[in-house]
């Protein structure tokens, strides 16, 4: 679940700001990053500073998991993890194009719609042995965001199949230590 908290931050970094709308289909992470930069220039995507995210696991299904693992996952439903991170002014202005996907070039946005305080995106990573689909919808403003997220993974065996839903609420809580950002 910790990776998904970072995905929530990625949504914030990639999607926030007050620039023009971005509506793309079948686009690479690079294409989306270029379009976001073109529409927003050097104005910054969000407010830099210390951010606090609360990620809550809503549901998780993994039909092929051993019973003890399934039971542990069931206990995690309804729990919330809190994470704090510092977003520098440079990161706020220029997010990396691979923030969602990492070095994985097998990922493409089925759609990426951003603007007017709303985001709706679907990212599909198709690899030879598995497919992962992540969807996010939510609202944002420079100092906060709320996202509903789902991740579906399908592999070659039942053990590699999982569906998860979560929510992320985040807000800027101040300046980073040792800075005025």
N, C-alpha and C. Protein backbone atom coordinates (compact mmCIF):
# COMPACT_ATOMS: atom_id res chain seq x y z
N UNK A 1 0.82 -1.20 0.00
CA UNK A 1 0.00 0.00 0.00
C UNK A 1 0.86 1.26 0.00
N UNK A 2 2.09 1.16 0.52
CA UNK A 2 2.96 2.32 0.55
C UNK A 2 3.22 2.89 -0.84
N UNK A 3 3.37 2.02 -1.85
CA UNK A 3 3.57 2.47 -3.24
C UNK A 3 2.36 3.30 -3.68
N UNK A 4 1.17 2.92 -3.25
CA UNK A 4 -0.03 3.65 -3.66
C UNK A 4 -0.11 5.02 -3.01
N UNK A 5 0.46 5.16 -1.84
CA UNK A 5 0.51 6.50 -1.24
C UNK A 5 1.34 7.40 -2.14
N UNK A 6 2.47 6.90 -2.64
CA UNK A 6 3.29 7.69 -3.56
C UNK A 6 2.55 7.97 -4.85
N UNK A 7 1.73 7.04 -5.30
CA UNK A 7 0.92 7.27 -6.49
C UNK A 7 -0.02 8.45 -6.25
N UNK A 8 -0.57 8.53 -5.04
CA UNK A 8 -1.42 9.67 -4.71
C UNK A 8 -0.66 10.98 -4.81
N UNK A 9 0.57 10.98 -4.32
CA UNK A 9 1.39 12.17 -4.46
C UNK A 9 1.67 12.45 -5.93
N UNK A 10 1.90 11.40 -6.69
CA UNK A 10 2.14 11.58 -8.12
C UNK A 10 0.94 12.23 -8.79
N UNK A 11 -0.24 11.83 -8.39
CA UNK A 11 -1.44 12.45 -8.95
C UNK A 11 -1.45 13.93 -8.62
N UNK A 12 -1.09 14.25 -7.41
CA UNK A 12 -1.02 15.64 -7.00
C UNK A 12 -0.01 16.40 -7.84
N UNK A 13 1.19 15.87 -7.93
CA UNK A 13 2.24 16.57 -8.66
C UNK A 13 1.89 16.68 -10.14
N UNK A 14 1.33 15.63 -10.71
CA UNK A 14 1.04 15.64 -12.14
C UNK A 14 -0.20 16.42 -12.48
N UNK A 15 -1.12 16.58 -11.55
CA UNK A 15 -2.43 17.05 -11.93
C UNK A 15 -2.83 18.41 -11.42
N UNK A 16 -2.17 18.92 -10.43
CA UNK A 16 -2.65 20.15 -9.82
C UNK A 16 -2.13 21.39 -10.52
N UNK A 17 -2.78 22.49 -10.23
CA UNK A 17 -2.38 23.76 -10.79
C UNK A 17 -3.58 24.49 -11.33
N UNK A 18 -3.33 25.65 -11.87
CA UNK A 18 -4.45 26.45 -12.36
C UNK A 18 -4.32 26.74 -13.84
N UNK A 19 -3.53 25.93 -14.55
CA UNK A 19 -3.34 26.14 -15.98
C UNK A 19 -4.50 25.63 -16.80
N UNK A 20 -4.26 25.48 -18.08
CA UNK A 20 -5.28 25.02 -19.01
C UNK A 20 -5.58 23.54 -18.84
N UNK A 21 -6.65 23.11 -19.45
CA UNK A 21 -7.04 21.71 -19.39
C UNK A 21 -6.12 20.85 -20.24
N UNK A 22 -5.96 19.61 -19.81
CA UNK A 22 -5.24 18.61 -20.60
C UNK A 22 -6.18 17.42 -20.74
N UNK A 23 -6.52 17.08 -21.98
CA UNK A 23 -7.36 15.92 -22.28
C UNK A 23 -6.63 15.09 -23.32
N UNK A 24 -6.17 13.90 -22.91
CA UNK A 24 -5.40 13.06 -23.82
C UNK A 24 -5.91 11.63 -23.75
N UNK A 25 -5.76 10.91 -24.85
CA UNK A 25 -6.10 9.49 -24.91
C UNK A 25 -4.92 8.74 -25.51
N UNK A 26 -4.75 7.49 -25.06
CA UNK A 26 -3.69 6.62 -25.56
C UNK A 26 -2.35 7.35 -25.60
N UNK A 27 -1.94 7.90 -24.46
CA UNK A 27 -0.74 8.72 -24.39
C UNK A 27 0.29 8.10 -23.46
N UNK A 28 1.55 8.28 -23.80
CA UNK A 28 2.64 7.83 -22.93
C UNK A 28 2.79 8.81 -21.77
N UNK A 29 3.50 8.37 -20.73
CA UNK A 29 3.79 9.26 -19.61
C UNK A 29 4.57 10.47 -20.10
N UNK A 30 5.47 10.27 -21.04
CA UNK A 30 6.24 11.36 -21.61
C UNK A 30 5.35 12.36 -22.33
N UNK A 31 4.39 11.86 -23.12
CA UNK A 31 3.47 12.75 -23.83
C UNK A 31 2.66 13.60 -22.86
N UNK A 32 2.17 12.97 -21.79
CA UNK A 32 1.37 13.70 -20.80
C UNK A 32 2.22 14.75 -20.11
N UNK A 33 3.44 14.39 -19.71
CA UNK A 33 4.32 15.35 -19.03
C UNK A 33 4.63 16.55 -19.94
N UNK A 34 4.88 16.29 -21.20
CA UNK A 34 5.16 17.39 -22.14
C UNK A 34 3.95 18.30 -22.29
N UNK A 35 2.76 17.72 -22.38
CA UNK A 35 1.55 18.53 -22.54
C UNK A 35 1.28 19.35 -21.28
N UNK A 36 1.48 18.74 -20.11
CA UNK A 36 1.30 19.48 -18.85
C UNK A 36 2.28 20.64 -18.78
N UNK A 37 3.54 20.42 -19.16
CA UNK A 37 4.54 21.48 -19.13
C UNK A 37 4.18 22.59 -20.12
N UNK A 38 3.71 22.20 -21.29
CA UNK A 38 3.34 23.19 -22.31
C UNK A 38 2.16 24.05 -21.83
N UNK A 39 1.19 23.43 -21.20
CA UNK A 39 0.00 24.16 -20.76
C UNK A 39 0.27 25.03 -19.53
N UNK A 40 1.20 24.59 -18.67
CA UNK A 40 1.42 25.28 -17.41
C UNK A 40 2.73 26.04 -17.32
N UNK A 41 3.63 25.81 -18.26
CA UNK A 41 4.89 26.53 -18.27
C UNK A 41 5.65 26.38 -16.97
N UNK A 42 6.14 27.47 -16.45
CA UNK A 42 6.96 27.48 -15.24
C UNK A 42 6.18 27.94 -14.02
N UNK A 43 4.84 27.91 -14.09
CA UNK A 43 4.04 28.44 -13.00
C UNK A 43 3.96 27.52 -11.80
N UNK A 44 4.29 26.26 -11.94
CA UNK A 44 4.21 25.33 -10.83
C UNK A 44 2.87 24.62 -10.82
N UNK A 45 2.92 23.36 -10.44
CA UNK A 45 1.71 22.55 -10.44
C UNK A 45 0.96 22.63 -9.13
N UNK A 46 1.68 22.69 -8.04
CA UNK A 46 1.07 22.74 -6.71
C UNK A 46 1.94 23.61 -5.83
N UNK A 47 1.47 23.84 -4.64
CA UNK A 47 2.27 24.60 -3.66
C UNK A 47 3.36 23.70 -3.11
N UNK A 48 4.60 24.15 -3.15
CA UNK A 48 5.66 23.37 -2.52
C UNK A 48 5.50 23.42 -1.00
N UNK A 49 6.10 22.48 -0.33
CA UNK A 49 6.06 22.45 1.12
C UNK A 49 5.87 21.05 1.65
N UNK A 50 5.56 20.97 2.93
CA UNK A 50 5.33 19.67 3.57
C UNK A 50 3.88 19.26 3.34
N UNK A 51 3.70 18.05 2.84
CA UNK A 51 2.37 17.50 2.54
C UNK A 51 2.10 16.29 3.42
N UNK A 52 0.88 16.20 3.89
CA UNK A 52 0.44 15.04 4.66
C UNK A 52 -0.65 14.32 3.87
N UNK A 53 -0.46 13.03 3.68
CA UNK A 53 -1.43 12.21 2.96
C UNK A 53 -2.00 11.15 3.89
N UNK A 54 -3.31 10.97 3.81
CA UNK A 54 -3.99 9.90 4.54
C UNK A 54 -4.59 8.97 3.51
N UNK A 55 -4.04 7.76 3.44
CA UNK A 55 -4.49 6.76 2.48
C UNK A 55 -5.29 5.69 3.22
N UNK A 56 -6.52 5.48 2.77
CA UNK A 56 -7.41 4.49 3.41
C UNK A 56 -7.72 3.37 2.43
N UNK A 57 -7.51 2.15 2.88
CA UNK A 57 -7.83 0.98 2.07
C UNK A 57 -9.33 0.71 2.18
N UNK A 58 -10.02 0.76 1.05
CA UNK A 58 -11.47 0.57 1.01
C UNK A 58 -11.83 -0.90 0.78
N UNK A 59 -11.15 -1.54 -0.16
CA UNK A 59 -11.40 -2.96 -0.42
C UNK A 59 -10.19 -3.58 -1.08
N UNK A 60 -10.08 -4.91 -0.90
CA UNK A 60 -9.00 -5.65 -1.54
C UNK A 60 -9.47 -7.07 -1.76
N UNK A 61 -9.30 -7.54 -2.98
CA UNK A 61 -9.65 -8.91 -3.32
C UNK A 61 -8.45 -9.54 -4.02
N UNK A 62 -8.09 -10.71 -3.57
CA UNK A 62 -7.01 -11.47 -4.18
C UNK A 62 -7.39 -12.95 -4.08
N UNK A 63 -8.20 -13.41 -5.01
CA UNK A 63 -8.79 -14.75 -4.91
C UNK A 63 -7.80 -15.90 -4.79
N UNK A 64 -6.59 -15.77 -5.31
CA UNK A 64 -5.65 -16.88 -5.28
C UNK A 64 -4.72 -16.88 -4.08
N UNK A 65 -4.89 -15.95 -3.16
CA UNK A 65 -3.98 -15.86 -2.02
C UNK A 65 -4.24 -16.99 -1.01
N UNK A 66 -3.19 -17.43 -0.34
CA UNK A 66 -3.37 -18.40 0.75
C UNK A 66 -4.27 -17.80 1.84
N UNK A 67 -5.01 -18.63 2.57
CA UNK A 67 -5.97 -18.13 3.57
C UNK A 67 -5.37 -17.17 4.59
N UNK A 68 -4.18 -17.42 5.09
CA UNK A 68 -3.60 -16.53 6.09
C UNK A 68 -3.27 -15.16 5.51
N UNK A 69 -2.85 -15.11 4.26
CA UNK A 69 -2.57 -13.83 3.60
C UNK A 69 -3.88 -13.08 3.35
N UNK A 70 -4.90 -13.80 2.89
CA UNK A 70 -6.22 -13.20 2.66
C UNK A 70 -6.79 -12.62 3.95
N UNK A 71 -6.60 -13.32 5.06
CA UNK A 71 -7.09 -12.84 6.35
C UNK A 71 -6.37 -11.57 6.77
N UNK A 72 -5.07 -11.51 6.58
CA UNK A 72 -4.30 -10.31 6.92
C UNK A 72 -4.76 -9.13 6.06
N UNK A 73 -5.04 -9.38 4.79
CA UNK A 73 -5.52 -8.31 3.91
C UNK A 73 -6.88 -7.82 4.36
N UNK A 74 -7.73 -8.74 4.77
CA UNK A 74 -9.07 -8.37 5.24
C UNK A 74 -8.99 -7.45 6.45
N UNK A 75 -8.03 -7.71 7.32
CA UNK A 75 -7.86 -6.87 8.52
C UNK A 75 -7.38 -5.47 8.16
N UNK A 76 -6.72 -5.32 7.03
CA UNK A 76 -6.20 -4.01 6.63
C UNK A 76 -7.30 -3.10 6.06
N UNK A 77 -8.42 -3.69 5.64
CA UNK A 77 -9.50 -2.89 5.08
C UNK A 77 -10.05 -1.95 6.14
N UNK A 78 -10.20 -0.69 5.77
CA UNK A 78 -10.69 0.32 6.69
C UNK A 78 -9.59 1.03 7.46
N UNK A 79 -8.36 0.56 7.32
CA UNK A 79 -7.27 1.22 8.01
C UNK A 79 -6.76 2.40 7.19
N UNK A 80 -6.11 3.33 7.86
CA UNK A 80 -5.57 4.51 7.20
C UNK A 80 -4.09 4.62 7.54
N UNK A 81 -3.28 4.89 6.53
CA UNK A 81 -1.86 5.18 6.73
C UNK A 81 -1.64 6.66 6.48
N UNK A 82 -0.86 7.29 7.34
CA UNK A 82 -0.51 8.69 7.18
C UNK A 82 0.95 8.78 6.79
N UNK A 83 1.21 9.62 5.80
CA UNK A 83 2.56 9.77 5.28
C UNK A 83 2.82 11.26 5.05
N UNK A 84 4.00 11.72 5.43
CA UNK A 84 4.38 13.10 5.16
C UNK A 84 5.58 13.11 4.23
N UNK A 85 5.59 14.08 3.35
CA UNK A 85 6.70 14.23 2.41
C UNK A 85 6.91 15.70 2.11
N UNK A 86 8.11 16.04 1.68
CA UNK A 86 8.44 17.41 1.33
C UNK A 86 8.48 17.53 -0.19
N UNK A 87 7.77 18.49 -0.72
CA UNK A 87 7.76 18.76 -2.15
C UNK A 87 8.50 20.07 -2.37
N UNK A 88 9.66 20.00 -3.03
CA UNK A 88 10.45 21.21 -3.26
C UNK A 88 9.78 22.07 -4.34
N UNK A 89 10.21 23.32 -4.42
CA UNK A 89 9.69 24.22 -5.44
C UNK A 89 9.98 23.67 -6.84
N UNK A 90 11.17 23.09 -7.03
CA UNK A 90 11.53 22.53 -8.34
C UNK A 90 10.63 21.34 -8.69
N UNK A 91 10.36 20.46 -7.71
CA UNK A 91 9.47 19.32 -7.97
C UNK A 91 8.06 19.80 -8.29
N UNK A 92 7.62 20.85 -7.65
CA UNK A 92 6.28 21.37 -7.91
C UNK A 92 6.17 21.95 -9.32
N UNK A 93 7.24 22.56 -9.79
CA UNK A 93 7.23 23.16 -11.13
C UNK A 93 7.46 22.14 -12.23
N UNK A 94 8.31 21.15 -11.97
CA UNK A 94 8.73 20.22 -13.02
C UNK A 94 8.68 18.77 -12.54
N UNK A 95 7.50 18.17 -12.46
CA UNK A 95 7.45 16.76 -12.06
C UNK A 95 8.09 15.89 -13.13
N UNK A 96 8.69 14.79 -12.70
CA UNK A 96 9.31 13.87 -13.65
C UNK A 96 8.21 13.16 -14.45
N UNK A 97 8.49 12.93 -15.72
CA UNK A 97 7.50 12.29 -16.59
C UNK A 97 7.21 10.87 -16.17
N UNK A 98 8.13 10.22 -15.46
CA UNK A 98 7.92 8.82 -15.09
C UNK A 98 7.48 8.65 -13.63
N UNK A 99 6.88 9.69 -13.06
CA UNK A 99 6.49 9.62 -11.65
C UNK A 99 5.52 8.48 -11.39
N UNK A 100 4.52 8.29 -12.25
CA UNK A 100 3.58 7.17 -12.09
C UNK A 100 4.21 5.85 -12.47
N UNK A 101 4.95 5.83 -13.56
CA UNK A 101 5.34 4.58 -14.19
C UNK A 101 6.73 4.11 -13.84
N UNK A 102 7.57 4.97 -13.23
CA UNK A 102 8.95 4.60 -13.01
C UNK A 102 9.63 4.41 -14.36
N UNK A 103 10.53 3.45 -14.44
CA UNK A 103 11.23 3.21 -15.70
C UNK A 103 10.42 2.32 -16.64
N UNK A 104 9.22 1.94 -16.25
CA UNK A 104 8.39 1.01 -17.01
C UNK A 104 7.80 1.70 -18.25
N UNK A 105 8.30 1.33 -19.41
CA UNK A 105 7.82 1.92 -20.67
C UNK A 105 6.61 1.17 -21.21
N UNK A 106 6.13 0.15 -20.49
CA UNK A 106 4.97 -0.62 -20.96
C UNK A 106 3.65 0.04 -20.55
N UNK A 107 3.72 1.20 -19.90
CA UNK A 107 2.52 1.87 -19.40
C UNK A 107 2.08 2.99 -20.34
N UNK A 108 0.76 3.09 -20.52
CA UNK A 108 0.17 4.18 -21.31
C UNK A 108 -1.10 4.64 -20.62
N UNK A 109 -1.38 5.92 -20.76
CA UNK A 109 -2.64 6.44 -20.26
C UNK A 109 -3.72 6.11 -21.28
N UNK A 110 -4.73 5.37 -20.85
CA UNK A 110 -5.89 5.17 -21.72
C UNK A 110 -6.58 6.51 -21.90
N UNK A 111 -6.70 7.23 -20.78
CA UNK A 111 -7.14 8.62 -20.84
C UNK A 111 -6.52 9.39 -19.67
N UNK A 112 -6.31 10.68 -19.89
CA UNK A 112 -5.78 11.58 -18.87
C UNK A 112 -6.53 12.89 -19.05
N UNK A 113 -7.43 13.19 -18.13
CA UNK A 113 -8.24 14.41 -18.18
C UNK A 113 -7.97 15.21 -16.92
N UNK A 114 -7.51 16.44 -17.11
CA UNK A 114 -7.11 17.29 -16.00
C UNK A 114 -7.57 18.72 -16.28
N UNK A 115 -8.12 19.37 -15.27
CA UNK A 115 -8.48 20.77 -15.38
C UNK A 115 -9.68 21.12 -14.53
N UNK A 116 -9.84 22.40 -14.27
CA UNK A 116 -10.97 22.92 -13.49
C UNK A 116 -11.12 22.22 -12.14
N UNK A 117 -10.00 21.87 -11.52
CA UNK A 117 -10.04 21.27 -10.18
C UNK A 117 -10.40 19.80 -10.16
N UNK A 118 -10.38 19.13 -11.32
CA UNK A 118 -10.74 17.70 -11.37
C UNK A 118 -9.70 16.92 -12.16
N UNK A 119 -9.51 15.67 -11.76
CA UNK A 119 -8.65 14.75 -12.51
C UNK A 119 -9.39 13.43 -12.68
N UNK A 120 -9.22 12.84 -13.86
CA UNK A 120 -9.77 11.53 -14.19
C UNK A 120 -8.76 10.88 -15.11
N UNK A 121 -8.13 9.79 -14.66
CA UNK A 121 -7.12 9.15 -15.48
C UNK A 121 -7.17 7.64 -15.34
N UNK A 122 -6.73 6.97 -16.40
CA UNK A 122 -6.61 5.52 -16.38
C UNK A 122 -5.28 5.16 -17.04
N UNK A 123 -4.44 4.46 -16.29
CA UNK A 123 -3.11 4.07 -16.73
C UNK A 123 -3.07 2.55 -16.82
N UNK A 124 -2.66 2.03 -17.97
CA UNK A 124 -2.57 0.58 -18.18
C UNK A 124 -1.12 0.22 -18.46
N UNK A 125 -0.61 -0.74 -17.68
CA UNK A 125 0.74 -1.25 -17.86
C UNK A 125 0.62 -2.71 -18.30
N UNK A 126 0.91 -2.96 -19.57
CA UNK A 126 0.77 -4.30 -20.14
C UNK A 126 2.15 -4.90 -20.34
N UNK A 127 2.43 -5.93 -19.56
CA UNK A 127 3.71 -6.64 -19.66
C UNK A 127 3.44 -8.04 -20.17
N UNK A 128 4.45 -8.76 -20.61
CA UNK A 128 4.20 -10.12 -21.12
C UNK A 128 3.56 -11.06 -20.10
N UNK A 129 3.89 -10.89 -18.81
CA UNK A 129 3.39 -11.81 -17.80
C UNK A 129 2.22 -11.27 -16.97
N UNK A 130 1.90 -9.99 -17.10
CA UNK A 130 0.83 -9.42 -16.26
C UNK A 130 0.38 -8.07 -16.82
N UNK A 131 -0.81 -7.68 -16.43
CA UNK A 131 -1.36 -6.37 -16.78
C UNK A 131 -1.83 -5.70 -15.49
N UNK A 132 -1.47 -4.44 -15.32
CA UNK A 132 -1.93 -3.67 -14.17
C UNK A 132 -2.64 -2.43 -14.68
N UNK A 133 -3.82 -2.18 -14.13
CA UNK A 133 -4.61 -1.01 -14.51
C UNK A 133 -4.85 -0.17 -13.27
N UNK A 134 -4.52 1.11 -13.36
CA UNK A 134 -4.76 2.03 -12.25
C UNK A 134 -5.69 3.13 -12.74
N UNK A 135 -6.73 3.40 -11.96
CA UNK A 135 -7.65 4.48 -12.26
C UNK A 135 -7.70 5.43 -11.08
N UNK A 136 -7.80 6.73 -11.38
CA UNK A 136 -7.91 7.74 -10.34
C UNK A 136 -8.91 8.80 -10.78
N UNK A 137 -9.74 9.17 -9.84
CA UNK A 137 -10.62 10.32 -10.04
C UNK A 137 -10.57 11.14 -8.76
N UNK A 138 -10.73 12.43 -8.91
CA UNK A 138 -10.72 13.25 -7.71
C UNK A 138 -10.75 14.72 -8.01
N UNK A 139 -10.55 15.47 -6.93
CA UNK A 139 -10.55 16.92 -7.01
C UNK A 139 -9.26 17.44 -6.40
N UNK A 140 -8.86 18.63 -6.81
CA UNK A 140 -7.62 19.20 -6.30
C UNK A 140 -7.70 20.71 -6.29
N UNK A 141 -6.84 21.29 -5.49
CA UNK A 141 -6.56 22.72 -5.48
C UNK A 141 -5.10 22.84 -5.05
N UNK A 142 -4.51 24.00 -5.07
CA UNK A 142 -3.07 24.09 -4.82
C UNK A 142 -2.60 23.53 -3.47
N UNK A 143 -3.46 23.51 -2.45
CA UNK A 143 -3.03 23.07 -1.13
C UNK A 143 -3.73 21.82 -0.61
N UNK A 144 -4.48 21.12 -1.46
CA UNK A 144 -5.12 19.87 -1.02
C UNK A 144 -5.63 19.09 -2.22
N UNK A 145 -5.86 17.81 -1.99
CA UNK A 145 -6.52 16.99 -3.00
C UNK A 145 -7.20 15.80 -2.35
N UNK A 146 -8.19 15.26 -3.04
CA UNK A 146 -8.90 14.06 -2.62
C UNK A 146 -9.00 13.16 -3.84
N UNK A 147 -8.61 11.90 -3.69
CA UNK A 147 -8.62 10.95 -4.81
C UNK A 147 -9.27 9.63 -4.41
N UNK A 148 -9.99 9.06 -5.36
CA UNK A 148 -10.44 7.67 -5.25
C UNK A 148 -9.61 6.91 -6.26
N UNK A 149 -9.01 5.82 -5.82
CA UNK A 149 -8.09 5.08 -6.68
C UNK A 149 -8.46 3.60 -6.69
N UNK A 150 -8.23 2.98 -7.84
CA UNK A 150 -8.38 1.53 -7.91
C UNK A 150 -7.21 0.97 -8.71
N UNK A 151 -6.75 -0.20 -8.30
CA UNK A 151 -5.67 -0.89 -8.99
C UNK A 151 -6.13 -2.32 -9.21
N UNK A 152 -6.06 -2.77 -10.46
CA UNK A 152 -6.40 -4.15 -10.80
C UNK A 152 -5.18 -4.78 -11.45
N UNK A 153 -4.74 -5.92 -10.92
CA UNK A 153 -3.61 -6.65 -11.48
C UNK A 153 -4.08 -8.02 -11.91
N UNK A 154 -3.70 -8.40 -13.11
CA UNK A 154 -4.04 -9.74 -13.62
C UNK A 154 -2.77 -10.36 -14.17
N UNK A 155 -2.46 -11.55 -13.66
CA UNK A 155 -1.28 -12.27 -14.12
C UNK A 155 -1.68 -13.60 -14.73
N UNK A 156 -0.70 -14.44 -14.92
CA UNK A 156 -0.93 -15.71 -15.57
C UNK A 156 -1.51 -16.77 -14.64
N UNK A 157 -1.53 -16.50 -13.33
CA UNK A 157 -2.11 -17.46 -12.38
C UNK A 157 -3.02 -16.72 -11.40
N UNK A 158 -3.92 -17.46 -10.72
CA UNK A 158 -4.80 -16.80 -9.74
C UNK A 158 -4.03 -16.07 -8.64
N UNK A 159 -2.83 -16.54 -8.31
CA UNK A 159 -2.01 -15.88 -7.29
C UNK A 159 -1.58 -14.48 -7.72
N UNK A 160 -1.65 -14.21 -9.01
CA UNK A 160 -1.20 -12.92 -9.52
C UNK A 160 -2.36 -11.99 -9.87
N UNK A 161 -3.52 -12.27 -9.29
CA UNK A 161 -4.70 -11.45 -9.55
C UNK A 161 -5.07 -10.72 -8.27
N UNK A 162 -5.28 -9.40 -8.37
CA UNK A 162 -5.65 -8.60 -7.21
C UNK A 162 -6.42 -7.38 -7.67
N UNK A 163 -7.41 -6.99 -6.89
CA UNK A 163 -8.16 -5.75 -7.09
C UNK A 163 -8.16 -5.00 -5.77
N UNK A 164 -7.82 -3.72 -5.84
CA UNK A 164 -7.74 -2.92 -4.62
C UNK A 164 -8.35 -1.55 -4.89
N UNK A 165 -9.07 -1.03 -3.89
CA UNK A 165 -9.60 0.33 -3.95
C UNK A 165 -9.18 1.08 -2.70
N UNK A 166 -8.86 2.35 -2.88
CA UNK A 166 -8.48 3.16 -1.74
C UNK A 166 -8.81 4.62 -2.00
N UNK A 167 -8.77 5.39 -0.94
CA UNK A 167 -8.95 6.84 -1.05
C UNK A 167 -7.71 7.50 -0.47
N UNK A 168 -7.40 8.67 -1.00
CA UNK A 168 -6.28 9.45 -0.49
C UNK A 168 -6.75 10.88 -0.31
N UNK A 169 -6.58 11.39 0.89
CA UNK A 169 -6.85 12.79 1.20
C UNK A 169 -5.52 13.41 1.60
N UNK A 170 -5.18 14.51 0.98
CA UNK A 170 -3.89 15.13 1.26
C UNK A 170 -4.04 16.62 1.39
N UNK A 171 -3.14 17.19 2.19
CA UNK A 171 -3.15 18.65 2.34
C UNK A 171 -1.73 19.12 2.65
N UNK A 172 -1.48 20.35 2.25
CA UNK A 172 -0.21 20.98 2.60
C UNK A 172 -0.32 21.40 4.05
N UNK A 173 0.70 21.02 4.87
CA UNK A 173 0.63 21.28 6.30
C UNK A 173 1.69 22.26 6.78
N UNK A 174 2.46 22.82 5.84
CA UNK A 174 3.45 23.81 6.25
C UNK A 174 4.66 23.79 5.34
N UNK A 175 5.70 24.45 5.81
CA UNK A 175 6.94 24.50 5.06
C UNK A 175 7.78 23.28 5.38
N UNK A 176 8.66 22.94 4.49
CA UNK A 176 9.61 21.85 4.74
C UNK A 176 10.62 22.34 5.77
N UNK A 177 11.14 21.42 6.54
CA UNK A 177 12.13 21.78 7.54
C UNK A 177 13.34 22.41 6.87
N UNK A 178 13.79 23.52 7.40
CA UNK A 178 14.97 24.18 6.88
C UNK A 178 14.75 24.97 5.60
N UNK A 179 13.47 25.18 5.23
CA UNK A 179 13.22 25.97 4.01
C UNK A 179 11.98 26.83 4.20
N UNK A 180 11.75 27.66 3.24
CA UNK A 180 10.55 28.48 3.24
C UNK A 180 9.60 28.04 2.16
N UNK A 181 9.81 26.80 1.57
CA UNK A 181 8.99 26.27 0.47
C UNK A 181 7.76 25.77 0.94
